[in-house]
Protein backbone atom coordinates (compact mmCIF):
# COMPACT_ATOMS: atom_id res chain seq x y z
CA MET A 1 0.00 0.00 0.00
CA GLN A 2 1.24 3.40 -0.93
CA GLN A 3 0.20 6.37 1.13
CA ALA A 4 -0.41 9.59 -0.78
CA VAL A 5 1.54 12.59 0.42
CA ALA A 6 -0.52 15.74 0.31
CA ALA A 7 1.26 18.84 -0.94
CA THR A 8 0.92 21.69 1.51
CA THR A 9 1.43 25.39 1.08
CA PRO A 10 3.77 26.82 3.71
CA ARG A 11 2.17 29.14 6.24
CA PHE A 12 5.44 30.89 7.08
CA LEU A 13 8.25 32.19 4.89
CA LYS A 14 11.85 33.01 5.79
CA THR A 15 13.10 36.50 4.94
CA PRO A 16 14.41 35.75 1.41
CA ASP A 17 11.18 34.04 0.38
CA ALA A 18 9.03 36.70 2.05
CA ALA A 19 10.94 39.37 0.14
CA ILE A 20 10.30 37.57 -3.15
CA HIS A 21 6.61 37.28 -2.24
CA LEU A 22 6.47 41.08 -1.78
CA GLY A 23 8.74 41.94 -4.71
CA LEU A 24 11.35 43.51 -2.41
CA SER A 25 14.95 42.69 -1.66
CA ALA A 26 15.72 40.71 1.48
CA ARG A 27 17.83 43.62 2.72
CA THR A 28 14.90 46.03 2.37
CA LEU A 29 12.69 43.67 4.35
CA GLU A 30 15.41 43.44 7.05
CA LYS A 31 15.51 47.25 7.24
CA HIS A 32 11.72 47.38 7.59
CA ARG A 33 12.00 44.91 10.46
CA CYS A 34 14.68 46.97 12.23
CA PHE A 35 12.80 50.25 11.86
CA GLY A 36 9.40 48.81 12.75
CA THR A 37 7.84 49.83 9.42
CA GLY A 38 7.39 46.38 7.92
CA PRO A 39 5.03 43.47 8.20
CA ILE A 40 4.50 41.53 11.42
CA PHE A 41 7.12 38.84 11.88
CA ARG A 42 7.72 35.99 14.28
CA LYS A 43 10.96 34.92 15.90
CA LEU A 44 11.07 31.15 16.26
CA GLY A 45 14.25 30.29 18.07
CA GLY A 46 16.86 32.18 16.08
CA ARG A 47 14.83 32.30 12.86
CA ILE A 48 12.70 35.16 11.59
CA VAL A 49 9.59 34.05 9.71
CA TYR A 50 6.62 35.85 8.20
CA ALA A 51 3.07 34.53 7.90
CA ILE A 52 1.85 34.87 4.32
CA ASP A 53 -1.39 36.46 5.56
CA ASP A 54 0.63 39.13 7.43
CA LEU A 55 2.69 39.90 4.32
CA ASP A 56 -0.46 40.28 2.23
CA ALA A 57 -2.15 42.46 4.88
CA TRP A 58 0.88 44.77 5.06
CA ALA A 59 1.06 45.07 1.28
CA ALA A 60 -2.70 45.80 1.17
CA LEU A 61 -2.07 48.95 3.23
CA GLY A 62 -0.47 50.44 0.12
CA ALA A 63 -3.37 49.62 -2.21
CA ARG A 64 -4.64 52.60 -4.21
CA LYS A 65 -7.00 53.01 -7.18
CA SER A 66 -5.47 56.30 -8.33
CA THR A 67 -2.79 58.79 -7.33
CA VAL A 68 -5.35 60.89 -5.43
CA ASP A 69 -6.84 57.91 -3.56
CA PRO A 70 -5.87 58.21 0.15
CA GLY A 71 -6.19 54.44 0.59
CA VAL A 72 -6.70 52.65 3.88
CA GLY A 73 -3.17 52.88 5.22
CA VAL A 74 0.43 53.75 4.54
CA VAL A 75 3.41 51.57 3.74
CA HIS A 76 6.32 53.65 5.01
CA PRO A 77 9.77 53.55 3.41
CA ALA A 78 12.42 51.39 5.06
CA LYS A 79 13.97 54.16 7.13
CA ARG A 80 13.79 55.48 10.65
CA LEU A 81 10.58 57.40 11.29
CA PRO A 82 9.57 59.71 14.13
CA THR A 83 8.32 57.58 17.03
CA ALA A 84 4.81 59.03 16.75
CA VAL A 85 4.43 57.50 13.26
CA VAL A 86 5.72 53.97 13.92
CA ARG A 87 2.90 51.48 14.49
CA ARG A 88 3.22 48.88 17.22
């Protein structure tokens, strides 16, 4: 008897794969993490991982229909921001 192995989609991505998912460089995603401007991440032991749903939710903050559309949120650049702007 052969047991079928079901293919599963990963729930979490390491930084390089998360960066590819978002269309960013891994270094940019690391900067976002350091400055607190990026997507929610998890630290599992010594590894940093991102849930795919969190990556998509963060990217959705930047969704706009036109240049004058204020959108629902802001995706800040990967740089240090005033503490009043950084979300927790």
